[in-house]
């Protein structure tokens, strides 16, 4: 299992557009991908799951990948979210 803790810097938090970016990035991989916030974890491949966390800007979240392509997945997801200025 690989995990990384990051800060959400998108001005609206992890809602609508940035949540879609996150889900699209996670959905490309076979491994399980979860995002955790305030003790709750959801499947990062589910737009409804990600949005249900209600993650505001300046929040710390943890992204976890577990499975056969976890190394590539965690690096790629983090890079996409940084490039799109969703996380710092």
C-alpha atoms as a PDB file:
ATOM      1  CA  UNK A   1       0.000   0.000   0.000  1.00  0.00           C
ATOM      2  CA  UNK A   2       1.194   3.477  -0.917  1.00  0.00           C
ATOM      3  CA  UNK A   3      -0.192   6.676   0.558  1.00  0.00           C
ATOM      4  CA  UNK A   4       0.399  10.398   0.434  1.00  0.00           C
ATOM      5  CA  UNK A   5      -1.015  13.277   2.472  1.00  0.00           C
ATOM      6  CA  UNK A   6      -1.658  16.490   0.563  1.00  0.00           C
ATOM      7  CA  UNK A   7      -3.345  19.871   1.017  1.00  0.00           C
ATOM      8  CA  UNK A   8      -6.283  20.895  -1.143  1.00  0.00           C
ATOM      9  CA  UNK A   9      -5.584  24.377  -2.530  1.00  0.00           C
ATOM     10  CA  UNK A  10      -8.392  24.706  -5.071  1.00  0.00           C
ATOM     11  CA  UNK A  11     -10.437  27.769  -3.959  1.00  0.00           C
ATOM     12  CA  UNK A  12     -13.702  25.793  -3.911  1.00  0.00           C
ATOM     13  CA  UNK A  13     -12.218  22.700  -2.275  1.00  0.00           C
ATOM     14  CA  UNK A  14     -12.671  19.239  -3.754  1.00  0.00           C
ATOM     15  CA  UNK A  15     -16.071  19.811  -5.382  1.00  0.00           C
ATOM     16  CA  UNK A  16     -17.427  19.485  -8.960  1.00  0.00           C
ATOM     17  CA  UNK A  17     -14.558  20.239 -11.384  1.00  0.00           C
ATOM     18  CA  UNK A  18     -11.621  19.335  -9.110  1.00  0.00           C
ATOM     19  CA  UNK A  19     -13.458  16.202  -7.912  1.00  0.00           C
ATOM     20  CA  UNK A  20     -13.930  15.173 -11.546  1.00  0.00           C
ATOM     21  CA  UNK A  21     -10.203  15.656 -12.166  1.00  0.00           C
ATOM     22  CA  UNK A  22      -9.430  13.440  -9.145  1.00  0.00           C
ATOM     23  CA  UNK A  23     -11.893  10.707 -10.151  1.00  0.00           C
ATOM     24  CA  UNK A  24     -10.644  10.650 -13.751  1.00  0.00           C
ATOM     25  CA  UNK A  25      -7.035  10.361 -12.559  1.00  0.00           C
ATOM     26  CA  UNK A  26      -7.862   7.504 -10.160  1.00  0.00           C
ATOM     27  CA  UNK A  27     -10.067   5.603 -12.615  1.00  0.00           C
ATOM     28  CA  UNK A  28      -7.160   4.878 -14.965  1.00  0.00           C
ATOM     29  CA  UNK A  29      -5.672   2.323 -12.572  1.00  0.00           C
ATOM     30  CA  UNK A  30      -6.516  -1.234 -11.529  1.00  0.00           C
ATOM     31  CA  UNK A  31      -5.587  -0.778  -7.878  1.00  0.00           C
ATOM     32  CA  UNK A  32      -7.970   0.369  -5.178  1.00  0.00           C
ATOM     33  CA  UNK A  33      -7.722   4.137  -4.660  1.00  0.00           C
ATOM     34  CA  UNK A  34      -9.217   5.825  -1.618  1.00  0.00           C
ATOM     35  CA  UNK A  35      -9.271   9.386  -0.351  1.00  0.00           C
ATOM     36  CA  UNK A  36      -9.642  10.088   3.374  1.00  0.00           C
ATOM     37  CA  UNK A  37     -10.760  13.238   5.172  1.00  0.00           C
ATOM     38  CA  UNK A  38     -11.664  13.664   8.854  1.00  0.00           C
ATOM     39  CA  UNK A  39     -11.763   9.935   9.543  1.00  0.00           C
ATOM     40  CA  UNK A  40     -13.897   9.000   6.524  1.00  0.00           C
ATOM     41  CA  UNK A  41     -12.558   7.137   3.490  1.00  0.00           C
ATOM     42  CA  UNK A  42     -14.244   6.752   0.118  1.00  0.00           C
ATOM     43  CA  UNK A  43     -13.442   5.192  -3.217  1.00  0.00           C
ATOM     44  CA  UNK A  44     -11.648   7.874  -5.226  1.00  0.00           C
ATOM     45  CA  UNK A  45     -13.078   6.397  -8.426  1.00  0.00           C
ATOM     46  CA  UNK A  46     -16.588   7.479  -7.349  1.00  0.00           C
ATOM     47  CA  UNK A  47     -17.579  11.101  -7.994  1.00  0.00           C
ATOM     48  CA  UNK A  48     -20.423  10.853  -5.481  1.00  0.00           C
ATOM     49  CA  UNK A  49     -18.089   9.366  -2.886  1.00  0.00           C
ATOM     50  CA  UNK A  50     -15.475  12.092  -3.303  1.00  0.00           C
ATOM     51  CA  UNK A  51     -18.042  14.880  -3.241  1.00  0.00           C
ATOM     52  CA  UNK A  52     -19.775  13.371  -0.189  1.00  0.00           C
ATOM     53  CA  UNK A  53     -16.670  14.155   1.886  1.00  0.00           C
ATOM     54  CA  UNK A  54     -17.289  17.902   1.434  1.00  0.00           C
ATOM     55  CA  UNK A  55     -13.566  18.711   1.423  1.00  0.00           C
ATOM     56  CA  UNK A  56     -13.020  22.481   1.703  1.00  0.00           C
ATOM     57  CA  UNK A  57      -9.946  24.389   0.538  1.00  0.00           C
ATOM     58  CA  UNK A  58      -6.875  24.289   2.811  1.00  0.00           C
ATOM     59  CA  UNK A  59      -7.755  20.790   4.065  1.00  0.00           C
ATOM     60  CA  UNK A  60      -5.377  17.888   4.429  1.00  0.00           C
ATOM     61  CA  UNK A  61      -6.454  14.654   2.743  1.00  0.00           C
ATOM     62  CA  UNK A  62      -4.792  11.276   2.405  1.00  0.00           C
ATOM     63  CA  UNK A  63      -4.765   9.363  -0.863  1.00  0.00           C
ATOM     64  CA  UNK A  64      -4.087   5.620  -0.668  1.00  0.00           C
ATOM     65  CA  UNK A  65      -3.444   3.122  -3.452  1.00  0.00           C
ATOM     66  CA  UNK A  66      -3.388  -0.626  -2.929  1.00  0.00           C
ATOM     67  CA  UNK A  67      -2.904  -3.194  -5.670  1.00  0.00           C
ATOM     68  CA  UNK A  68      -0.747  -4.240  -8.566  1.00  0.00           C
ATOM     69  CA  UNK A  69      -0.111  -0.782 -10.060  1.00  0.00           C
ATOM     70  CA  UNK A  70      -0.070   1.209  -6.802  1.00  0.00           C
ATOM     71  CA  UNK A  71       3.378   2.763  -7.348  1.00  0.00           C
ATOM     72  CA  UNK A  72       2.512   4.221 -10.732  1.00  0.00           C
ATOM     73  CA  UNK A  73      -1.013   5.148  -9.586  1.00  0.00           C
ATOM     74  CA  UNK A  74      -0.025   7.197  -6.525  1.00  0.00           C
ATOM     75  CA  UNK A  75       2.642   9.115  -8.466  1.00  0.00           C
ATOM     76  CA  UNK A  76       0.381   9.769 -11.437  1.00  0.00           C
ATOM     77  CA  UNK A  77      -2.643  10.854  -9.383  1.00  0.00           C
ATOM     78  CA  UNK A  78      -0.514  13.214  -7.306  1.00  0.00           C
ATOM     79  CA  UNK A  79       1.098  14.695 -10.440  1.00  0.00           C
ATOM     80  CA  UNK A  80      -2.253  15.257 -12.192  1.00  0.00           C
ATOM     81  CA  UNK A  81      -3.776  16.936  -9.125  1.00  0.00           C
ATOM     82  CA  UNK A  82      -0.726  19.181  -8.666  1.00  0.00           C
ATOM     83  CA  UNK A  83      -0.683  20.117 -12.375  1.00  0.00           C
ATOM     84  CA  UNK A  84      -4.377  21.039 -12.213  1.00  0.00           C
ATOM     85  CA  UNK A  85      -3.689  23.095  -9.042  1.00  0.00           C
ATOM     86  CA  UNK A  86      -6.081  21.003  -6.949  1.00  0.00           C
ATOM     87  CA  UNK A  87      -3.438  20.083  -4.345  1.00  0.00           C
ATOM     88  CA  UNK A  88      -0.139  21.460  -3.076  1.00  0.00           C
END
